[in-house]
Amino acid sequence: MGKMESTRYRLIELLEASREQYVSGQFLSEKLNISRSAIWKHMKELKKDGYVIEGIRRKGYRIVKSPDKVSENTVQWGLQTNWLGKQIIHKATTNSTQQVAHQAARENAEHGTVIIADEQTEGKGRMERHWHSPKNKGIWMSLILRPPIPPAAAPQLTLLTATVLADVITEYTTASPNIKWPNDLLIRDKKTAGILTEMQAEQDRIKYVVAGIGINVNHSYDNFPSEISNKATSLKLETGQDLQVVPIIQHILRCFERSYDAFIRDGFSTIKNKWESYGYKIGEAIKIRTNHEILEATFTGIAEDGALLVHTDSDGTRKMYSGEIEWFRK
């Protein structure tokens, strides 16, 4: 975080701490070690972000209203995380938050850096599929992580992220979401969110992981391309109301940090149990296409390492680490 961004973040924290009261310019000047005129300039920048700030002579300043506009400031104000989102890179439009995150990670961006875009022109999902990411309709976000785990355990981060999104979606809708292995969130069999986890690693050490998150938030039916309109939904379509994006982003980051810390400390077993509680069509028949075979089996859950567990009459229980799944209809 640069010096100017850090100062502005501290300014927001000081105003937030006295939300119902005015904070004098002199107090802010002393706390931030900058001039009164510099305080005024920072206030002007915050107003550009959409903050409504009241300033009264001899009383000081107070924030009357925080905006729903996504920016570094609006997401960090009231975020209440220890390490996730302390550095935020916001883009109005970008090709892909994944690409921005990879570049930032190669340039030594710190663990917990978050990249958020209002719009992606080349958003992508698993297997290079295009992810439709229209302006101001969803959450398009990537997290840079530097986990102290072996590269073989990195796929567990996809499953962890899925459980976080399922928990958050549950709080915003009355419908119960499902996780379709390994990286899709469904409501009523329609895709609501997706995850793309990518890694740079050496043989025994992860350099960094980028966890990409896409959530359809305020889409109407006509915001989806015709080829996916019958396969996709949004939080707005499920709730019947427009939702504020910034609080959802903050909620995801808080829940993710808590879950990630527990995972690093305690391992994968709690995530596995939660994932299976949301698992899509566990106990039902599926067809799996790999490079070597087409397999019909019963989906029984996930293994301790995050692999798909299936049961076939001929082979019994098998672990599957990759493949395209056809989910049979009931």
Protein backbone atom coordinates (compact mmCIF):
# COMPACT_ATOMS: atom_id res chain seq x y z
CA MET A 1 0.00 0.00 0.00
CA GLY A 2 1.49 3.36 -1.03
CA LYS A 3 1.92 6.23 1.42
CA MET A 4 -1.04 8.19 0.04
CA GLU A 5 -3.34 5.15 0.05
CA SER A 6 -2.20 4.28 3.58
CA THR A 7 -2.94 7.81 4.79
CA ARG A 8 -6.39 7.77 3.21
CA TYR A 9 -7.11 4.36 4.73
CA ARG A 10 -6.13 5.65 8.18
CA LEU A 11 -8.29 8.73 7.62
CA ILE A 12 -11.29 6.52 6.88
CA GLU A 13 -10.54 4.45 10.00
CA LEU A 14 -10.44 7.56 12.19
CA LEU A 15 -13.73 8.84 10.78
CA GLU A 16 -15.31 5.39 11.15
CA ALA A 17 -14.23 5.17 14.79
CA SER A 18 -16.28 8.31 15.50
CA ARG A 19 -19.14 7.60 13.11
CA GLU A 20 -21.79 9.57 15.06
CA GLN A 21 -19.54 12.47 16.03
CA TYR A 22 -17.54 15.15 14.27
CA VAL A 23 -13.77 14.70 14.16
CA SER A 24 -11.78 17.92 14.19
CA GLY A 25 -9.35 18.73 11.44
CA GLN A 26 -6.70 19.43 14.11
CA PHE A 27 -7.13 15.94 15.60
CA LEU A 28 -6.87 14.32 12.16
CA SER A 29 -3.84 16.43 11.31
CA GLU A 30 -2.02 15.37 14.49
CA LYS A 31 -2.93 11.68 14.15
CA LEU A 32 -1.90 11.47 10.49
CA ASN A 33 1.03 13.87 10.75
CA ILE A 34 -0.13 15.88 7.74
CA SER A 35 -1.34 19.45 7.28
CA ARG A 36 -4.95 20.64 7.54
CA SER A 37 -4.90 21.44 3.82
CA ALA A 38 -3.74 17.86 3.08
CA ILE A 39 -6.70 16.58 5.12
CA TRP A 40 -9.02 18.69 3.00
CA LYS A 41 -7.48 17.30 -0.23
CA HIS A 42 -7.98 13.72 1.02
CA MET A 43 -11.61 14.53 1.80
CA LYS A 44 -12.10 15.73 -1.77
CA GLU A 45 -10.73 12.43 -3.08
CA LEU A 46 -13.04 10.44 -0.82
CA LYS A 47 -16.00 12.44 -2.13
CA LYS A 48 -14.98 11.39 -5.66
CA ASP A 49 -15.35 7.78 -4.48
CA GLY A 50 -18.93 8.58 -3.49
CA TYR A 51 -18.55 9.21 0.23
CA VAL A 52 -20.90 11.85 1.62
CA ILE A 53 -18.76 13.78 4.10
CA GLU A 54 -20.10 16.63 6.18
CA GLY A 55 -17.68 19.33 7.24
CA ILE A 56 -18.72 22.05 9.71
CA ARG A 57 -16.50 24.91 10.80
CA ARG A 58 -15.20 24.51 14.37
CA LYS A 59 -16.74 21.03 14.57
CA GLY A 60 -14.85 19.03 11.98
CA TYR A 61 -15.81 16.18 9.67
CA ARG A 62 -17.99 13.11 9.73
CA ILE A 63 -19.00 10.50 7.18
CA VAL A 64 -22.73 10.68 6.56
CA LYS A 65 -22.94 7.94 3.98
CA SER A 66 -20.55 5.42 2.43
CA PRO A 67 -20.98 4.59 -1.25
CA ASP A 68 -21.69 1.25 -2.90
CA LYS A 69 -19.21 2.19 -5.61
CA VAL A 70 -16.36 -0.30 -5.58
CA SER A 71 -12.93 1.21 -4.94
CA GLU A 72 -9.91 0.55 -2.77
CA ASN A 73 -11.32 2.94 -0.17
CA THR A 74 -14.90 1.68 -0.05
CA VAL A 75 -13.88 -1.97 0.27
CA GLN A 76 -11.26 -1.31 2.95
CA TRP A 77 -13.48 0.98 5.02
CA GLY A 78 -15.01 -1.28 7.68
CA LEU A 79 -13.44 -4.44 6.22
CA GLN A 80 -12.20 -5.76 9.59
CA THR A 81 -9.70 -8.31 8.33
CA ASN A 82 -6.19 -8.92 9.63
CA TRP A 83 -4.33 -9.53 6.37
CA LEU A 84 -6.73 -10.11 3.48
CA GLY A 85 -7.46 -6.96 1.47
CA LYS A 86 -4.92 -4.70 3.14
CA GLN A 87 -3.68 -4.15 -0.40
CA ILE A 88 -6.44 -3.74 -3.00
CA ILE A 89 -6.04 -3.12 -6.71
CA HIS A 90 -9.27 -1.86 -8.29
CA LYS A 91 -9.84 -1.64 -12.05
CA ALA A 92 -12.90 -0.11 -13.66
CA THR A 93 -12.31 -2.33 -16.69
CA THR A 94 -9.67 -5.00 -17.23
CA ASN A 95 -9.17 -8.03 -19.40
CA SER A 96 -9.14 -10.38 -16.41
CA THR A 97 -8.49 -9.97 -12.70
CA GLN A 98 -6.54 -13.24 -12.94
CA GLN A 99 -4.10 -11.69 -15.38
CA VAL A 100 -3.71 -8.57 -13.23
CA ALA A 101 -3.16 -10.79 -10.17
CA HIS A 102 -0.49 -12.91 -11.87
CA GLN A 103 1.39 -9.79 -12.91
CA ALA A 104 1.14 -8.31 -9.42
CA ALA A 105 2.24 -11.59 -7.82
CA ARG A 106 5.29 -11.77 -10.09
CA GLU A 107 6.12 -8.25 -8.90
CA ASN A 108 6.04 -9.47 -5.28
CA ALA A 109 2.54 -8.31 -4.29
CA GLU A 110 1.99 -9.32 -0.71
CA HIS A 111 -0.02 -12.29 0.52
CA GLY A 112 -3.67 -11.24 0.76
CA THR A 113 -3.61 -8.71 -2.09
CA VAL A 114 -7.06 -8.45 -3.71
CA ILE A 115 -7.78 -7.46 -7.31
CA ILE A 116 -11.34 -6.31 -8.09
CA ALA A 117 -12.82 -5.14 -11.39
CA ASP A 118 -16.14 -3.55 -12.27
CA GLU A 119 -15.96 -5.30 -15.64
CA GLN A 120 -13.84 -7.99 -17.31
CA THR A 121 -13.49 -8.11 -21.09
CA GLU A 122 -11.75 -11.50 -21.11
CA GLY A 123 -12.98 -13.15 -17.94
CA LYS A 124 -12.30 -16.86 -17.92
CA GLY A 125 -13.37 -19.95 -16.09
CA ARG A 126 -12.07 -23.46 -15.90
CA MET A 127 -10.67 -25.00 -19.11
CA GLU A 128 -10.36 -21.54 -20.69
CA ARG A 129 -14.13 -21.09 -20.92
CA HIS A 130 -15.29 -17.48 -21.19
CA TRP A 131 -16.87 -15.96 -18.07
CA HIS A 132 -19.38 -13.23 -18.89
CA SER A 133 -18.49 -10.29 -16.61
CA PRO A 134 -20.62 -7.21 -17.42
CA LYS A 135 -20.00 -3.83 -15.84
CA ASN A 136 -21.32 -3.33 -12.31
CA LYS A 137 -23.43 -6.50 -12.37
CA GLY A 138 -21.30 -8.89 -10.37
CA ILE A 139 -18.23 -9.47 -8.25
CA TRP A 140 -15.13 -10.13 -10.36
CA MET A 141 -12.25 -10.64 -7.96
CA SER A 142 -8.93 -12.45 -7.55
CA LEU A 143 -6.99 -13.12 -4.34
CA ILE A 144 -3.19 -13.51 -4.24
CA LEU A 145 -2.19 -16.13 -1.67
CA ARG A 146 1.20 -17.44 -0.61
CA PRO A 147 0.19 -20.50 1.44
CA PRO A 148 2.74 -22.56 3.40
CA ILE A 149 1.43 -25.84 1.96
CA PRO A 150 2.86 -28.29 -0.60
CA PRO A 151 1.80 -27.79 -4.24
CA ALA A 152 -0.20 -31.04 -4.16
CA ALA A 153 -2.52 -29.51 -1.56
CA ALA A 154 -3.30 -26.39 -3.62
CA PRO A 155 -6.55 -27.81 -5.14
CA GLN A 156 -7.98 -27.82 -1.62
CA LEU A 157 -8.02 -24.01 -1.82
CA THR A 158 -10.61 -24.22 -4.61
CA LEU A 159 -12.86 -26.30 -2.39
CA LEU A 160 -12.26 -23.96 0.56
CA THR A 161 -13.25 -20.97 -1.58
CA ALA A 162 -16.39 -22.77 -2.71
CA THR A 163 -17.50 -23.35 0.89
CA VAL A 164 -16.92 -19.67 1.70
CA LEU A 165 -19.07 -18.57 -1.25
CA ALA A 166 -21.77 -21.08 -0.35
CA ASP A 167 -21.89 -19.74 3.22
CA VAL A 168 -22.11 -16.14 2.01
CA ILE A 169 -24.77 -16.89 -0.63
CA THR A 170 -26.83 -18.66 2.04
CA GLU A 171 -26.99 -15.40 3.98
CA TYR A 172 -28.28 -13.43 1.00
CA THR A 173 -30.89 -15.82 -0.39
CA THR A 174 -33.50 -18.19 0.97
CA ALA A 175 -32.48 -20.84 -1.57
CA SER A 176 -29.82 -23.31 -0.50
CA PRO A 177 -26.77 -23.25 -2.83
CA ASN A 178 -24.94 -26.34 -3.99
CA ILE A 179 -21.30 -26.78 -4.92
CA LYS A 180 -20.73 -28.64 -8.17
CA TRP A 181 -17.28 -30.20 -8.06
CA PRO A 182 -14.83 -28.67 -8.24
CA ASN A 183 -15.60 -25.01 -8.79
CA ASP A 184 -19.22 -24.00 -9.51
CA LEU A 185 -21.90 -22.65 -7.18
CA LEU A 186 -25.48 -23.45 -8.19
CA ILE A 187 -28.90 -22.29 -7.04
CA ARG A 188 -31.77 -24.44 -8.28
CA ASP A 189 -29.36 -26.16 -10.73
CA LYS A 190 -28.35 -22.79 -12.26
CA LYS A 191 -24.83 -21.38 -12.09
CA THR A 192 -24.48 -18.43 -9.74
CA ALA A 193 -20.74 -18.30 -9.10
CA GLY A 194 -17.51 -19.87 -10.26
CA ILE A 195 -13.94 -20.23 -9.02
CA LEU A 196 -10.68 -20.44 -10.95
CA THR A 197 -7.59 -21.31 -8.92
CA GLU A 198 -4.19 -21.04 -10.60
CA MET A 199 -0.75 -21.66 -9.15
CA GLN A 200 2.90 -20.94 -9.77
CA ALA A 201 5.13 -23.40 -7.94
CA GLU A 202 8.45 -25.13 -7.81
CA GLN A 203 8.69 -28.86 -7.17
CA ASP A 204 8.19 -28.61 -3.42
CA ARG A 205 7.15 -25.00 -2.84
CA ILE A 206 4.25 -22.79 -3.90
CA LYS A 207 5.38 -19.39 -5.13
CA TYR A 208 1.83 -18.08 -5.15
CA VAL A 209 -1.79 -19.04 -5.78
CA VAL A 210 -4.38 -16.83 -7.48
CA ALA A 211 -7.95 -17.65 -6.43
CA GLY A 212 -10.38 -16.10 -8.91
CA ILE A 213 -14.01 -15.54 -7.91
CA GLY A 214 -16.92 -14.58 -10.15
CA ILE A 215 -20.42 -14.06 -8.72
CA ASN A 216 -23.54 -13.04 -10.61
CA VAL A 217 -25.07 -10.43 -8.30
CA ASN A 218 -27.38 -7.93 -10.01
CA HIS A 219 -28.00 -9.59 -13.37
CA SER A 220 -31.48 -9.59 -14.85
CA TYR A 221 -32.36 -12.32 -17.35
CA ASP A 222 -31.51 -10.06 -20.28
CA ASN A 223 -27.98 -9.44 -18.91
CA PHE A 224 -26.99 -13.02 -19.71
CA PRO A 225 -25.95 -14.10 -23.22
CA SER A 226 -28.67 -16.20 -24.88
CA GLU A 227 -26.54 -19.36 -24.81
CA ILE A 228 -26.41 -19.39 -20.99
CA SER A 229 -29.62 -17.58 -20.03
CA ASN A 230 -31.37 -20.83 -19.12
CA LYS A 231 -28.32 -22.14 -17.21
CA ALA A 232 -27.41 -19.11 -15.09
CA THR A 233 -28.97 -17.09 -12.30
CA SER A 234 -28.00 -14.22 -10.01
CA LEU A 235 -28.55 -13.17 -6.43
CA LYS A 236 -30.95 -10.49 -7.72
CA LEU A 237 -33.02 -13.03 -9.63
CA GLU A 238 -33.17 -15.24 -6.53
CA THR A 239 -34.07 -12.47 -4.09
CA GLY A 240 -36.07 -10.10 -6.28
CA GLN A 241 -33.99 -7.09 -5.27
CA ASP A 242 -30.82 -5.24 -6.20
CA LEU A 243 -28.02 -5.89 -3.77
CA GLN A 244 -25.14 -3.70 -2.64
CA VAL A 245 -21.90 -5.19 -3.90
CA VAL A 246 -19.38 -3.72 -1.44
CA PRO A 247 -20.84 -5.37 1.71
CA ILE A 248 -20.89 -8.73 -0.10
CA ILE A 249 -17.23 -8.35 -1.09
CA GLN A 250 -16.34 -7.47 2.50
CA HIS A 251 -18.31 -10.44 3.82
CA ILE A 252 -16.52 -12.80 1.43
CA LEU A 253 -13.10 -11.47 2.45
CA ARG A 254 -13.84 -11.76 6.17
CA CYS A 255 -15.18 -15.31 5.80
CA PHE A 256 -12.34 -16.33 3.52
CA GLU A 257 -9.68 -15.07 5.93
CA ARG A 258 -11.27 -16.93 8.83
CA SER A 259 -11.61 -20.17 6.84
CA TYR A 260 -8.12 -19.92 5.34
CA ASP A 261 -6.50 -19.36 8.75
CA ALA A 262 -8.32 -22.39 10.16
CA PHE A 263 -7.27 -24.48 7.14
CA ILE A 264 -3.59 -23.56 7.55
CA ARG A 265 -3.80 -24.26 11.28
CA ASP A 266 -6.00 -27.37 11.37
CA GLY A 267 -5.96 -28.96 7.91
CA PHE A 268 -8.65 -29.85 5.40
CA SER A 269 -11.06 -32.09 7.35
CA THR A 270 -13.48 -29.33 8.46
CA ILE A 271 -13.57 -27.94 4.91
CA LYS A 272 -14.24 -31.43 3.55
CA ASN A 273 -17.24 -31.90 5.84
CA LYS A 274 -18.67 -28.48 5.00
CA TRP A 275 -18.10 -29.02 1.28
CA GLU A 276 -19.98 -32.31 1.39
CA SER A 277 -22.89 -30.62 3.19
CA TYR A 278 -23.25 -28.39 0.10
CA GLY A 279 -22.17 -31.04 -2.45
CA TYR A 280 -24.22 -31.25 -5.65
CA LYS A 281 -25.81 -34.64 -6.37
CA ILE A 282 -23.81 -36.64 -3.84
CA GLY A 283 -25.12 -40.20 -3.94
CA GLU A 284 -26.28 -39.89 -7.56
CA ALA A 285 -25.05 -41.21 -10.89
CA ILE A 286 -22.53 -39.21 -12.92
CA LYS A 287 -20.49 -39.76 -16.09
CA ILE A 288 -16.83 -38.68 -16.10
CA ARG A 289 -14.79 -38.11 -19.24
CA THR A 290 -11.01 -38.18 -18.85
CA ASN A 291 -8.25 -38.32 -21.43
CA HIS A 292 -8.25 -42.10 -21.12
CA GLU A 293 -11.81 -43.25 -20.44
CA ILE A 294 -15.50 -42.56 -20.00
CA LEU A 295 -16.65 -43.72 -16.60
CA GLU A 296 -20.16 -44.13 -15.21
CA ALA A 297 -20.19 -44.08 -11.42
CA THR A 298 -21.95 -42.93 -8.27
CA PHE A 299 -20.62 -39.73 -6.74
CA THR A 300 -19.97 -40.45 -3.05
CA GLY A 301 -18.16 -37.32 -1.82
CA ILE A 302 -14.64 -35.91 -1.69
CA ALA A 303 -11.48 -37.44 -0.28
CA GLU A 304 -9.24 -36.05 2.48
CA ASP A 305 -7.05 -34.47 -0.20
CA GLY A 306 -10.02 -32.94 -2.06
CA ALA A 307 -10.23 -35.47 -4.90
CA LEU A 308 -13.63 -36.58 -6.22
CA LEU A 309 -14.74 -39.93 -4.77
CA VAL A 310 -16.82 -42.20 -6.96
CA HIS A 311 -17.98 -45.78 -6.73
CA THR A 312 -18.26 -48.21 -9.63
CA ASP A 313 -19.49 -51.79 -9.61
CA SER A 314 -16.28 -52.99 -11.24
CA ASP A 315 -13.62 -51.00 -9.36
CA GLY A 316 -15.26 -50.03 -6.08
CA THR A 317 -14.24 -46.61 -4.73
CA ARG A 318 -11.95 -44.49 -6.91
CA LYS A 319 -10.33 -41.08 -6.57
CA MET A 320 -10.65 -38.70 -9.52
CA TYR A 321 -8.47 -35.61 -9.77
CA SER A 322 -9.65 -34.26 -13.10
CA GLY A 323 -12.20 -34.84 -15.82
CA GLU A 324 -15.36 -33.45 -17.34
CA ILE A 325 -18.47 -34.54 -15.49
CA GLU A 326 -21.90 -35.06 -17.01
CA TRP A 327 -24.48 -34.77 -14.27
CA PHE A 328 -27.38 -37.11 -15.03
CA ARG A 329 -30.83 -35.71 -14.50
CA LYS A 330 -33.06 -37.50 -12.02
